Amino acid sequence: MNIRFKFSLTLLCLSLAACSSQEIKETETASKPVTESPVSTAPSIPDMQMSGMNPPMTITKDNKKLNLMRILDGGICKNDLQGAKGTFLLYADSNDINRIKKEKGSAIFKSFETKIQDISSAILQTAIENTNLGEDPFTLGEDEAQQKLASKLMVNFRNAATESINQFQKETTLTIDITAFQPSLVFFQKGCDESKFDTESKDSAG
């Protein structure tokens, strides 16, 4: 399959280091909310029970409190017809951030940010590749079809994320989590134009 990958970012913080003591404003996306709760395959990952269209500002992972550090918008086209876009959340342990800043300085977070962007792109690509975006004849309508696809993508995103995140944590000693925000996920089955992802990202950033 010819997979064309496009991942664009909208960042709500200037740098990971700066976010350690900075509260992030809650944002809203334009997509319809999904009523199903996300499915988690790892017991250490929090139950991402969403409230409306606002993501949780903090989560708990491995007995650590992680703060929402960044909100990333991403999109991918598998082919001319199928694809997906949505919002992806980066959480990090502010205690780890402060410790690393003291030990190694703030400049090191620039390399962390590049790694996290690369990891997020690879996770999304793998998750989309492993999600069947074909139309389901047994769904009762578009809303139900979108919900089912969102639940499948959440599982595939978590599966794809686990190993990459664990490796990042070993290399950096920074505890993070990257998750898809289920209510924001939108799927395309009759036409996917990746050029629109850049336009929408710039509009939301400006």
N, C-alpha and C. Protein backbone atom coordinates (compact mmCIF):
# COMPACT_ATOMS: atom_id res chain seq x y z
N MET A 1 0.83 -1.18 0.00
CA MET A 1 0.00 0.00 0.00
C MET A 1 0.88 1.25 0.00
N ASN A 2 0.50 2.22 -0.83
CA ASN A 2 1.25 3.46 -0.90
C ASN A 2 0.74 4.40 0.18
N ILE A 3 1.48 4.51 1.27
CA ILE A 3 1.06 5.34 2.38
C ILE A 3 1.79 6.66 2.33
N ARG A 4 1.03 7.74 2.30
CA ARG A 4 1.61 9.07 2.30
C ARG A 4 1.36 9.67 3.67
N PHE A 5 2.41 10.05 4.33
CA PHE A 5 2.30 10.45 5.72
C PHE A 5 2.49 11.95 5.87
N LYS A 6 1.56 12.56 6.56
CA LYS A 6 1.65 13.99 6.84
C LYS A 6 1.31 14.23 8.30
N PHE A 7 2.20 14.84 9.03
CA PHE A 7 1.96 15.10 10.45
C PHE A 7 2.30 16.54 10.74
N SER A 8 1.31 17.33 11.11
CA SER A 8 1.53 18.74 11.41
C SER A 8 1.29 18.98 12.89
N LEU A 9 1.95 20.01 13.42
CA LEU A 9 1.89 20.27 14.85
C LEU A 9 1.34 21.66 15.13
N THR A 10 0.50 21.75 16.16
CA THR A 10 0.12 23.02 16.73
C THR A 10 0.54 22.97 18.19
N LEU A 11 1.47 23.83 18.59
CA LEU A 11 2.04 23.76 19.93
C LEU A 11 1.49 24.87 20.80
N LEU A 12 1.13 24.52 22.03
CA LEU A 12 0.63 25.51 22.97
C LEU A 12 1.69 25.97 23.95
N CYS A 13 2.89 25.43 23.88
CA CYS A 13 4.00 25.90 24.72
C CYS A 13 5.21 26.15 23.85
N LEU A 14 6.01 27.13 24.22
CA LEU A 14 7.20 27.44 23.44
C LEU A 14 8.25 26.36 23.58
N SER A 15 8.38 25.80 24.78
CA SER A 15 9.35 24.74 24.98
C SER A 15 8.91 23.85 26.10
N LEU A 16 9.36 22.62 26.06
CA LEU A 16 9.02 21.66 27.10
C LEU A 16 9.50 22.14 28.44
N ALA A 17 10.69 22.72 28.49
CA ALA A 17 11.25 23.19 29.76
C ALA A 17 10.42 24.32 30.34
N ALA A 18 9.91 25.19 29.48
CA ALA A 18 9.14 26.33 29.96
C ALA A 18 7.80 25.91 30.51
N CYS A 19 7.32 24.75 30.09
CA CYS A 19 6.00 24.30 30.49
C CYS A 19 5.97 23.71 31.89
N SER A 20 7.11 23.46 32.48
CA SER A 20 7.13 22.74 33.75
C SER A 20 6.39 23.48 34.85
N SER A 21 6.32 24.79 34.78
CA SER A 21 5.61 25.55 35.80
C SER A 21 4.52 26.41 35.20
N GLN A 22 4.10 26.07 33.99
CA GLN A 22 3.14 26.89 33.27
C GLN A 22 1.86 26.11 33.05
N GLU A 23 0.73 26.74 33.37
CA GLU A 23 -0.56 26.08 33.18
C GLU A 23 -1.02 26.32 31.75
N ILE A 24 -1.53 25.28 31.13
CA ILE A 24 -1.94 25.36 29.73
C ILE A 24 -3.43 25.60 29.64
N LYS A 25 -3.82 26.50 28.77
CA LYS A 25 -5.24 26.77 28.59
C LYS A 25 -5.91 25.59 27.88
N GLU A 26 -7.15 25.33 28.31
CA GLU A 26 -7.90 24.27 27.66
C GLU A 26 -8.39 24.78 26.32
N THR A 27 -8.40 23.87 25.33
CA THR A 27 -8.82 24.24 24.00
C THR A 27 -9.94 23.34 23.54
N GLU A 28 -10.59 23.76 22.47
CA GLU A 28 -11.65 22.96 21.89
C GLU A 28 -11.31 22.66 20.45
N THR A 29 -11.74 21.49 19.97
CA THR A 29 -11.56 21.14 18.57
C THR A 29 -12.91 21.20 17.88
N ALA A 30 -12.88 21.17 16.56
CA ALA A 30 -14.11 21.34 15.80
C ALA A 30 -14.86 20.05 15.57
N SER A 31 -14.29 18.94 15.89
CA SER A 31 -14.94 17.67 15.61
C SER A 31 -15.98 17.33 16.66
N LYS A 32 -16.87 16.38 16.35
CA LYS A 32 -17.92 15.98 17.26
C LYS A 32 -17.36 15.13 18.38
N PRO A 33 -17.93 15.26 19.59
CA PRO A 33 -17.45 14.43 20.70
C PRO A 33 -17.81 12.98 20.50
N VAL A 34 -16.97 12.10 21.01
CA VAL A 34 -17.23 10.67 20.95
C VAL A 34 -17.67 10.24 22.33
N THR A 35 -18.74 9.47 22.41
CA THR A 35 -19.32 9.12 23.70
C THR A 35 -18.67 7.90 24.32
N GLU A 36 -17.99 7.08 23.53
CA GLU A 36 -17.35 5.90 24.08
C GLU A 36 -16.07 6.28 24.79
N SER A 37 -15.76 5.57 25.89
CA SER A 37 -14.51 5.81 26.60
C SER A 37 -13.38 5.13 25.86
N PRO A 38 -12.21 5.77 25.82
CA PRO A 38 -11.06 5.14 25.16
C PRO A 38 -10.69 3.83 25.82
N VAL A 39 -10.15 2.93 25.02
CA VAL A 39 -9.74 1.63 25.52
C VAL A 39 -8.24 1.64 25.75
N SER A 40 -7.80 1.20 26.91
CA SER A 40 -6.38 1.15 27.22
C SER A 40 -5.95 -0.29 27.33
N THR A 41 -4.78 -0.60 26.77
CA THR A 41 -4.28 -1.96 26.83
C THR A 41 -3.25 -2.15 27.92
N ALA A 42 -2.84 -1.07 28.60
CA ALA A 42 -1.83 -1.16 29.65
C ALA A 42 -2.41 -0.67 30.96
N PRO A 43 -2.37 -1.47 32.02
CA PRO A 43 -2.98 -1.05 33.28
C PRO A 43 -2.31 0.16 33.91
N SER A 44 -1.06 0.45 33.56
CA SER A 44 -0.38 1.60 34.14
C SER A 44 -0.79 2.91 33.48
N ILE A 45 -1.45 2.83 32.33
CA ILE A 45 -1.91 4.03 31.64
C ILE A 45 -3.28 4.40 32.17
N PRO A 46 -3.48 5.68 32.45
CA PRO A 46 -4.74 6.09 33.07
C PRO A 46 -5.93 5.87 32.17
N ASP A 47 -7.09 5.72 32.80
CA ASP A 47 -8.35 5.66 32.07
C ASP A 47 -8.67 7.07 31.60
N MET A 48 -8.52 7.28 30.30
CA MET A 48 -8.68 8.63 29.76
C MET A 48 -10.16 8.96 29.60
N GLN A 49 -10.84 9.13 30.71
CA GLN A 49 -12.25 9.48 30.68
C GLN A 49 -12.37 10.98 30.39
N MET A 50 -12.86 11.32 29.23
CA MET A 50 -12.86 12.71 28.82
C MET A 50 -14.13 13.42 29.30
N SER A 51 -14.01 14.69 29.55
CA SER A 51 -15.14 15.51 29.93
C SER A 51 -15.38 16.52 28.82
N GLY A 52 -16.49 16.34 28.08
CA GLY A 52 -16.77 17.24 26.97
C GLY A 52 -15.67 17.19 25.94
N MET A 53 -15.18 18.37 25.54
CA MET A 53 -14.12 18.45 24.55
C MET A 53 -12.80 18.88 25.15
N ASN A 54 -12.69 18.89 26.47
CA ASN A 54 -11.46 19.33 27.12
C ASN A 54 -10.66 18.15 27.64
N PRO A 55 -9.40 18.04 27.25
CA PRO A 55 -8.57 16.94 27.76
C PRO A 55 -8.21 17.18 29.22
N PRO A 56 -7.91 16.12 29.96
CA PRO A 56 -7.49 16.30 31.35
C PRO A 56 -6.15 17.02 31.42
N MET A 57 -6.00 17.90 32.39
CA MET A 57 -4.76 18.65 32.53
C MET A 57 -3.67 17.81 33.19
N THR A 58 -4.06 16.80 33.95
CA THR A 58 -3.09 15.91 34.59
C THR A 58 -3.56 14.47 34.46
N ILE A 59 -2.61 13.54 34.42
CA ILE A 59 -2.90 12.12 34.45
C ILE A 59 -1.91 11.45 35.39
N THR A 60 -2.15 10.21 35.73
CA THR A 60 -1.24 9.45 36.58
C THR A 60 -0.71 8.26 35.80
N LYS A 61 0.60 8.11 35.82
CA LYS A 61 1.26 7.00 35.14
C LYS A 61 2.41 6.52 36.01
N ASP A 62 2.43 5.22 36.28
CA ASP A 62 3.50 4.64 37.10
C ASP A 62 3.65 5.40 38.42
N ASN A 63 2.50 5.73 39.01
CA ASN A 63 2.45 6.43 40.31
C ASN A 63 3.05 7.83 40.25
N LYS A 64 3.18 8.38 39.07
CA LYS A 64 3.66 9.75 38.91
C LYS A 64 2.55 10.61 38.31
N LYS A 65 2.50 11.86 38.76
CA LYS A 65 1.56 12.82 38.20
C LYS A 65 2.20 13.51 37.01
N LEU A 66 1.55 13.37 35.86
CA LEU A 66 2.06 14.00 34.64
C LEU A 66 1.14 15.17 34.26
N ASN A 67 1.75 16.26 33.85
CA ASN A 67 1.00 17.45 33.44
C ASN A 67 0.92 17.55 31.93
N LEU A 68 -0.20 18.07 31.45
CA LEU A 68 -0.35 18.30 30.01
C LEU A 68 0.62 19.39 29.59
N MET A 69 1.55 19.05 28.70
CA MET A 69 2.59 19.98 28.28
C MET A 69 2.36 20.53 26.88
N ARG A 70 1.81 19.70 26.03
CA ARG A 70 1.61 20.14 24.65
C ARG A 70 0.36 19.51 24.06
N ILE A 71 -0.23 20.24 23.13
CA ILE A 71 -1.33 19.71 22.33
C ILE A 71 -0.88 19.75 20.88
N LEU A 72 -0.88 18.60 20.23
CA LEU A 72 -0.37 18.48 18.87
C LEU A 72 -1.52 18.08 17.95
N ASP A 73 -1.63 18.73 16.81
CA ASP A 73 -2.59 18.36 15.78
C ASP A 73 -1.88 17.55 14.73
N GLY A 74 -2.42 16.38 14.37
CA GLY A 74 -1.77 15.54 13.39
C GLY A 74 -2.77 14.96 12.39
N GLY A 75 -2.29 14.67 11.21
CA GLY A 75 -3.13 14.05 10.19
C GLY A 75 -2.32 13.17 9.28
N ILE A 76 -2.97 12.17 8.74
CA ILE A 76 -2.29 11.25 7.82
C ILE A 76 -3.28 10.75 6.77
N CYS A 77 -2.82 10.66 5.54
CA CYS A 77 -3.59 10.05 4.46
C CYS A 77 -2.94 8.71 4.11
N LYS A 78 -3.70 7.66 4.22
CA LYS A 78 -3.22 6.35 3.77
C LYS A 78 -3.14 6.31 2.26
N ASN A 79 -4.15 6.88 1.65
CA ASN A 79 -4.25 6.92 0.19
C ASN A 79 -5.14 8.10 -0.17
N ASP A 80 -5.60 8.16 -1.39
CA ASP A 80 -6.41 9.29 -1.83
C ASP A 80 -7.77 9.34 -1.15
N LEU A 81 -8.24 8.21 -0.65
CA LEU A 81 -9.58 8.13 -0.06
C LEU A 81 -9.58 8.12 1.46
N GLN A 82 -8.64 7.43 2.06
CA GLN A 82 -8.71 7.17 3.49
C GLN A 82 -7.63 7.91 4.28
N GLY A 83 -8.01 8.33 5.47
CA GLY A 83 -7.06 8.99 6.34
C GLY A 83 -7.72 9.38 7.64
N ALA A 84 -6.98 10.08 8.47
CA ALA A 84 -7.50 10.50 9.77
C ALA A 84 -6.73 11.72 10.24
N LYS A 85 -7.38 12.50 11.09
CA LYS A 85 -6.72 13.62 11.74
C LYS A 85 -7.26 13.71 13.17
N GLY A 86 -6.51 14.41 14.00
CA GLY A 86 -6.96 14.56 15.37
C GLY A 86 -5.95 15.30 16.22
N THR A 87 -6.25 15.36 17.50
CA THR A 87 -5.40 16.03 18.47
C THR A 87 -4.70 14.99 19.33
N PHE A 88 -3.43 15.23 19.61
CA PHE A 88 -2.62 14.28 20.38
C PHE A 88 -1.99 15.03 21.54
N LEU A 89 -2.00 14.40 22.70
CA LEU A 89 -1.64 15.06 23.94
C LEU A 89 -0.31 14.55 24.47
N LEU A 90 0.56 15.47 24.84
CA LEU A 90 1.84 15.12 25.45
C LEU A 90 1.81 15.49 26.92
N TYR A 91 2.04 14.50 27.76
CA TYR A 91 2.12 14.71 29.20
C TYR A 91 3.56 14.42 29.66
N ALA A 92 4.00 15.13 30.69
CA ALA A 92 5.34 14.91 31.22
C ALA A 92 5.36 15.19 32.71
N ASP A 93 6.32 14.60 33.39
CA ASP A 93 6.49 14.77 34.83
C ASP A 93 7.29 16.04 35.08
N SER A 94 6.67 17.02 35.72
CA SER A 94 7.35 18.30 35.96
C SER A 94 8.52 18.14 36.92
N ASN A 95 8.45 17.16 37.82
CA ASN A 95 9.58 16.91 38.72
C ASN A 95 10.80 16.43 37.93
N ASP A 96 10.55 15.56 36.95
CA ASP A 96 11.64 15.11 36.09
C ASP A 96 12.22 16.29 35.31
N ILE A 97 11.35 17.14 34.81
CA ILE A 97 11.81 18.29 34.03
C ILE A 97 12.71 19.19 34.87
N ASN A 98 12.27 19.50 36.09
CA ASN A 98 13.07 20.37 36.96
C ASN A 98 14.40 19.72 37.31
N ARG A 99 14.39 18.40 37.54
CA ARG A 99 15.64 17.70 37.88
C ARG A 99 16.61 17.74 36.70
N ILE A 100 16.12 17.45 35.51
CA ILE A 100 16.97 17.43 34.33
C ILE A 100 17.50 18.83 34.02
N LYS A 101 16.68 19.86 34.21
CA LYS A 101 17.13 21.23 34.00
C LYS A 101 18.31 21.57 34.91
N LYS A 102 18.23 21.12 36.18
CA LYS A 102 19.30 21.38 37.14
C LYS A 102 20.56 20.60 36.77
N GLU A 103 20.37 19.35 36.34
CA GLU A 103 21.53 18.49 36.06
C GLU A 103 22.20 18.81 34.73
N LYS A 104 21.40 19.10 33.71
CA LYS A 104 21.95 19.21 32.36
C LYS A 104 21.64 20.54 31.66
N GLY A 105 20.83 21.37 32.28
CA GLY A 105 20.49 22.65 31.67
C GLY A 105 19.26 22.56 30.78
N SER A 106 18.66 23.72 30.53
CA SER A 106 17.42 23.77 29.75
C SER A 106 17.62 23.44 28.27
N ALA A 107 18.84 23.65 27.77
CA ALA A 107 19.07 23.47 26.33
C ALA A 107 18.80 22.04 25.87
N ILE A 108 18.93 21.08 26.78
CA ILE A 108 18.76 19.68 26.39
C ILE A 108 17.33 19.38 25.95
N PHE A 109 16.38 20.20 26.39
CA PHE A 109 14.99 19.95 26.04
C PHE A 109 14.71 20.19 24.56
N LYS A 110 15.57 20.95 23.90
CA LYS A 110 15.41 21.12 22.45
C LYS A 110 15.53 19.77 21.74
N SER A 111 16.51 18.97 22.16
CA SER A 111 16.67 17.65 21.55
C SER A 111 15.53 16.73 21.96
N PHE A 112 15.02 16.89 23.18
CA PHE A 112 13.88 16.10 23.63
C PHE A 112 12.66 16.38 22.76
N GLU A 113 12.44 17.67 22.46
CA GLU A 113 11.29 18.06 21.66
C GLU A 113 11.34 17.46 20.26
N THR A 114 12.53 17.45 19.68
CA THR A 114 12.70 16.85 18.36
C THR A 114 12.40 15.36 18.40
N LYS A 115 12.91 14.69 19.43
CA LYS A 115 12.65 13.25 19.58
C LYS A 115 11.16 12.99 19.76
N ILE A 116 10.50 13.79 20.58
CA ILE A 116 9.08 13.59 20.85
C ILE A 116 8.26 13.81 19.58
N GLN A 117 8.62 14.80 18.79
CA GLN A 117 7.92 15.03 17.52
C GLN A 117 8.09 13.84 16.59
N ASP A 118 9.30 13.32 16.50
CA ASP A 118 9.56 12.15 15.64
C ASP A 118 8.79 10.94 16.15
N ILE A 119 8.80 10.74 17.47
CA ILE A 119 8.08 9.62 18.06
C ILE A 119 6.58 9.73 17.77
N SER A 120 6.03 10.92 17.97
CA SER A 120 4.58 11.12 17.75
C SER A 120 4.21 10.83 16.30
N SER A 121 5.04 11.30 15.38
CA SER A 121 4.78 11.05 13.96
C SER A 121 4.79 9.55 13.65
N ALA A 122 5.79 8.85 14.17
CA ALA A 122 5.91 7.41 13.90
C ALA A 122 4.77 6.64 14.53
N ILE A 123 4.36 7.03 15.74
CA ILE A 123 3.25 6.35 16.41
C ILE A 123 1.97 6.50 15.61
N LEU A 124 1.69 7.73 15.19
CA LEU A 124 0.46 7.97 14.43
C LEU A 124 0.47 7.19 13.13
N GLN A 125 1.60 7.17 12.45
CA GLN A 125 1.69 6.45 11.19
C GLN A 125 1.43 4.96 11.39
N THR A 126 2.06 4.38 12.41
CA THR A 126 1.87 2.96 12.69
C THR A 126 0.43 2.67 13.06
N ALA A 127 -0.15 3.53 13.88
CA ALA A 127 -1.54 3.32 14.32
C ALA A 127 -2.51 3.35 13.15
N ILE A 128 -2.29 4.31 12.24
CA ILE A 128 -3.18 4.40 11.07
C ILE A 128 -2.99 3.21 10.15
N GLU A 129 -1.74 2.80 9.96
CA GLU A 129 -1.47 1.64 9.11
C GLU A 129 -2.18 0.39 9.64
N ASN A 130 -2.27 0.28 10.99
CA ASN A 130 -2.86 -0.90 11.60
C ASN A 130 -4.36 -0.79 11.83
N THR A 131 -4.95 0.32 11.41
CA THR A 131 -6.40 0.52 11.57
C THR A 131 -7.08 0.40 10.22
N ASN A 132 -8.05 -0.49 10.15
CA ASN A 132 -8.83 -0.66 8.92
C ASN A 132 -9.82 0.49 8.81
N LEU A 133 -9.58 1.38 7.85
CA LEU A 133 -10.43 2.55 7.68
C LEU A 133 -11.55 2.33 6.68
N GLY A 134 -11.73 1.09 6.22
CA GLY A 134 -12.81 0.79 5.29
C GLY A 134 -14.17 0.96 5.93
N GLU A 135 -15.17 1.24 5.11
CA GLU A 135 -16.52 1.43 5.61
C GLU A 135 -17.07 0.13 6.19
N ASP A 136 -17.71 0.23 7.35
CA ASP A 136 -18.30 -0.91 8.04
C ASP A 136 -19.78 -0.98 7.69
N PRO A 137 -20.22 -2.03 6.97
CA PRO A 137 -21.63 -2.12 6.57
C PRO A 137 -22.58 -2.36 7.73
N PHE A 138 -22.04 -2.68 8.90
CA PHE A 138 -22.90 -3.02 10.04
C PHE A 138 -23.13 -1.83 10.98
N THR A 139 -22.57 -0.68 10.68
CA THR A 139 -22.82 0.49 11.52
C THR A 139 -24.14 1.13 11.13
N LEU A 140 -24.74 1.85 12.09
CA LEU A 140 -26.06 2.43 11.88
C LEU A 140 -26.01 3.84 11.32
N GLY A 141 -24.82 4.37 11.16
CA GLY A 141 -24.70 5.72 10.64
C GLY A 141 -23.28 6.23 10.77
N GLU A 142 -23.05 7.45 10.28
CA GLU A 142 -21.70 7.99 10.27
C GLU A 142 -21.15 8.19 11.68
N ASP A 143 -22.01 8.64 12.60
CA ASP A 143 -21.54 8.87 13.97
C ASP A 143 -21.03 7.58 14.60
N GLU A 144 -21.80 6.51 14.44
CA GLU A 144 -21.37 5.23 15.02
C GLU A 144 -20.11 4.72 14.34
N ALA A 145 -20.02 4.91 13.03
CA ALA A 145 -18.83 4.48 12.30
C ALA A 145 -17.59 5.23 12.79
N GLN A 146 -17.72 6.55 13.01
CA GLN A 146 -16.60 7.34 13.51
C GLN A 146 -16.20 6.89 14.91
N GLN A 147 -17.18 6.58 15.76
CA GLN A 147 -16.90 6.13 17.12
C GLN A 147 -16.13 4.81 17.13
N LYS A 148 -16.58 3.88 16.28
CA LYS A 148 -15.90 2.58 16.22
C LYS A 148 -14.47 2.74 15.73
N LEU A 149 -14.28 3.55 14.70
CA LEU A 149 -12.93 3.78 14.19
C LEU A 149 -12.06 4.45 15.25
N ALA A 150 -12.64 5.39 15.99
CA ALA A 150 -11.88 6.08 17.03
C ALA A 150 -11.43 5.11 18.12
N SER A 151 -12.31 4.21 18.50
CA SER A 151 -11.95 3.22 19.54
C SER A 151 -10.83 2.31 19.05
N LYS A 152 -10.91 1.89 17.78
CA LYS A 152 -9.86 1.03 17.22
C LYS A 152 -8.53 1.77 17.16
N LEU A 153 -8.58 3.03 16.73
CA LEU A 153 -7.34 3.80 16.62
C LEU A 153 -6.72 4.04 17.98
N MET A 154 -7.54 4.26 19.00
CA MET A 154 -7.02 4.46 20.35
C MET A 154 -6.20 3.26 20.80
N VAL A 155 -6.72 2.07 20.55
CA VAL A 155 -6.00 0.84 20.92
C VAL A 155 -4.71 0.73 20.14
N ASN A 156 -4.78 0.95 18.83
CA ASN A 156 -3.59 0.83 17.98
C ASN A 156 -2.56 1.91 18.31
N PHE A 157 -3.04 3.10 18.67
CA PHE A 157 -2.12 4.17 19.05
C PHE A 157 -1.38 3.80 20.33
N ARG A 158 -2.10 3.27 21.30
CA ARG A 158 -1.47 2.86 22.55
C ARG A 158 -0.46 1.74 22.32
N ASN A 159 -0.84 0.78 21.51
CA ASN A 159 0.09 -0.33 21.22
C ASN A 159 1.36 0.18 20.55
N ALA A 160 1.19 1.11 19.61
CA ALA A 160 2.35 1.65 18.89
C ALA A 160 3.19 2.55 19.79
N ALA A 161 2.55 3.19 20.77
CA ALA A 161 3.25 4.17 21.60
C ALA A 161 4.10 3.55 22.69
N THR A 162 3.68 2.40 23.20
CA THR A 162 4.29 1.86 24.42
C THR A 162 5.80 1.68 24.30
N GLU A 163 6.26 0.97 23.28
CA GLU A 163 7.69 0.68 23.15
C GLU A 163 8.50 1.95 22.92
N SER A 164 8.00 2.83 22.06
CA SER A 164 8.73 4.07 21.76
C SER A 164 8.85 4.96 22.98
N ILE A 165 7.78 5.06 23.74
CA ILE A 165 7.80 5.89 24.95
C ILE A 165 8.75 5.30 25.99
N ASN A 166 8.70 3.99 26.17
CA ASN A 166 9.59 3.34 27.13
C ASN A 166 11.06 3.56 26.77
N GLN A 167 11.37 3.50 25.47
CA GLN A 167 12.74 3.71 25.02
C GLN A 167 13.17 5.15 25.28
N PHE A 168 12.27 6.09 24.99
CA PHE A 168 12.57 7.51 25.23
C PHE A 168 12.84 7.74 26.71
N GLN A 169 12.04 7.15 27.57
CA GLN A 169 12.21 7.34 29.01
C GLN A 169 13.54 6.79 29.51
N LYS A 170 13.97 5.65 28.94
CA LYS A 170 15.26 5.08 29.32
C LYS A 170 16.40 6.01 28.93
N GLU A 171 16.29 6.58 27.73
CA GLU A 171 17.37 7.43 27.22
C GLU A 171 17.43 8.78 27.92
N THR A 172 16.30 9.32 28.33
CA THR A 172 16.25 10.70 28.83
C THR A 172 15.98 10.83 30.32
N THR A 173 15.47 9.78 30.95
CA THR A 173 14.99 9.77 32.35
C THR A 173 13.82 10.71 32.55
N LEU A 174 13.16 11.10 31.49
CA LEU A 174 11.97 11.94 31.55
C LEU A 174 10.72 11.08 31.32
N THR A 175 9.83 11.06 32.30
CA THR A 175 8.60 10.27 32.18
C THR A 175 7.58 11.07 31.37
N ILE A 176 7.10 10.46 30.28
CA ILE A 176 6.11 11.11 29.43
C ILE A 176 5.00 10.14 29.07
N ASP A 177 3.96 10.67 28.52
CA ASP A 177 2.94 9.85 27.87
C ASP A 177 2.41 10.64 26.69
N ILE A 178 2.15 9.95 25.61
CA ILE A 178 1.57 10.55 24.41
C ILE A 178 0.31 9.76 24.09
N THR A 179 -0.80 10.44 23.98
CA THR A 179 -2.06 9.74 23.72
C THR A 179 -2.90 10.52 22.72
N ALA A 180 -3.72 9.81 21.98
CA ALA A 180 -4.68 10.47 21.10
C ALA A 180 -5.86 10.96 21.94
N PHE A 181 -6.40 12.12 21.60
CA PHE A 181 -7.58 12.65 22.27
C PHE A 181 -8.80 12.18 21.49
N GLN A 182 -9.45 11.17 22.00
CA GLN A 182 -10.47 10.46 21.23
C GLN A 182 -11.59 11.36 20.67
N PRO A 183 -12.11 12.32 21.45
CA PRO A 183 -13.20 13.14 20.89
C PRO A 183 -12.80 13.96 19.67
N SER A 184 -11.51 14.16 19.44
CA SER A 184 -11.06 15.00 18.33
C SER A 184 -10.87 14.22 17.04
N LEU A 185 -10.88 12.90 17.10
CA LEU A 185 -10.52 12.10 15.94
C LEU A 185 -11.59 12.18 14.85
N VAL A 186 -11.13 12.44 13.64
CA VAL A 186 -12.02 12.49 12.47
C VAL A 186 -11.42 11.60 11.39
N PHE A 187 -12.25 10.78 10.77
CA PHE A 187 -11.78 9.82 9.77
C PHE A 187 -12.36 10.14 8.40
N PHE A 188 -11.53 9.91 7.39
CA PHE A 188 -11.93 10.14 6.01
C PHE A 188 -11.96 8.81 5.27
N GLN A 189 -13.04 8.57 4.55
CA GLN A 189 -13.20 7.32 3.81
C GLN A 189 -13.52 7.55 2.34
N LYS A 190 -13.85 8.80 1.99
CA LYS A 190 -14.24 9.08 0.61
C LYS A 190 -13.39 10.20 0.00
N GLY A 191 -12.26 10.45 0.61
CA GLY A 191 -11.38 11.49 0.11
C GLY A 191 -10.53 12.07 1.22
N CYS A 192 -9.22 12.02 1.04
CA CYS A 192 -8.30 12.54 2.05
C CYS A 192 -7.29 13.45 1.37
N ASP A 193 -7.28 14.72 1.77
CA ASP A 193 -6.38 15.71 1.19
C ASP A 193 -5.43 16.18 2.27
N GLU A 194 -4.20 15.70 2.23
CA GLU A 194 -3.24 16.02 3.30
C GLU A 194 -2.82 17.48 3.30
N SER A 195 -3.02 18.18 2.18
CA SER A 195 -2.65 19.59 2.13
C SER A 195 -3.51 20.42 3.08
N LYS A 196 -4.71 19.93 3.38
CA LYS A 196 -5.61 20.65 4.28
C LYS A 196 -5.13 20.59 5.72
N PHE A 197 -4.35 19.58 6.06
CA PHE A 197 -3.87 19.48 7.43
C PHE A 197 -2.99 20.67 7.78
N ASP A 198 -2.12 21.08 6.86
CA ASP A 198 -1.25 22.24 7.09
C ASP A 198 -2.08 23.50 7.25
N THR A 199 -3.10 23.66 6.37
CA THR A 199 -3.95 24.85 6.42
C THR A 199 -4.68 24.95 7.73
N GLU A 200 -5.28 23.82 8.16
CA GLU A 200 -6.05 23.82 9.40
C GLU A 200 -5.14 24.06 10.60
N SER A 201 -3.91 23.50 10.54
CA SER A 201 -2.97 23.69 11.65
C SER A 201 -2.56 25.14 11.77
N LYS A 202 -2.30 25.81 10.63
CA LYS A 202 -1.91 27.21 10.65
C LYS A 202 -3.05 28.07 11.16
N ASP A 203 -4.30 27.73 10.75
CA ASP A 203 -5.45 28.50 11.19
C ASP A 203 -5.61 28.41 12.70
N SER A 204 -5.47 27.21 13.24
CA SER A 204 -5.64 27.02 14.68
C SER A 204 -4.51 27.64 15.46
N ALA A 205 -3.30 27.69 14.86
CA ALA A 205 -2.16 28.27 15.55
C ALA A 205 -2.23 29.80 15.55
N GLY A 206 -2.88 30.37 14.52
CA GLY A 206 -2.90 31.82 14.40
C GLY A 206 -4.09 32.44 15.06
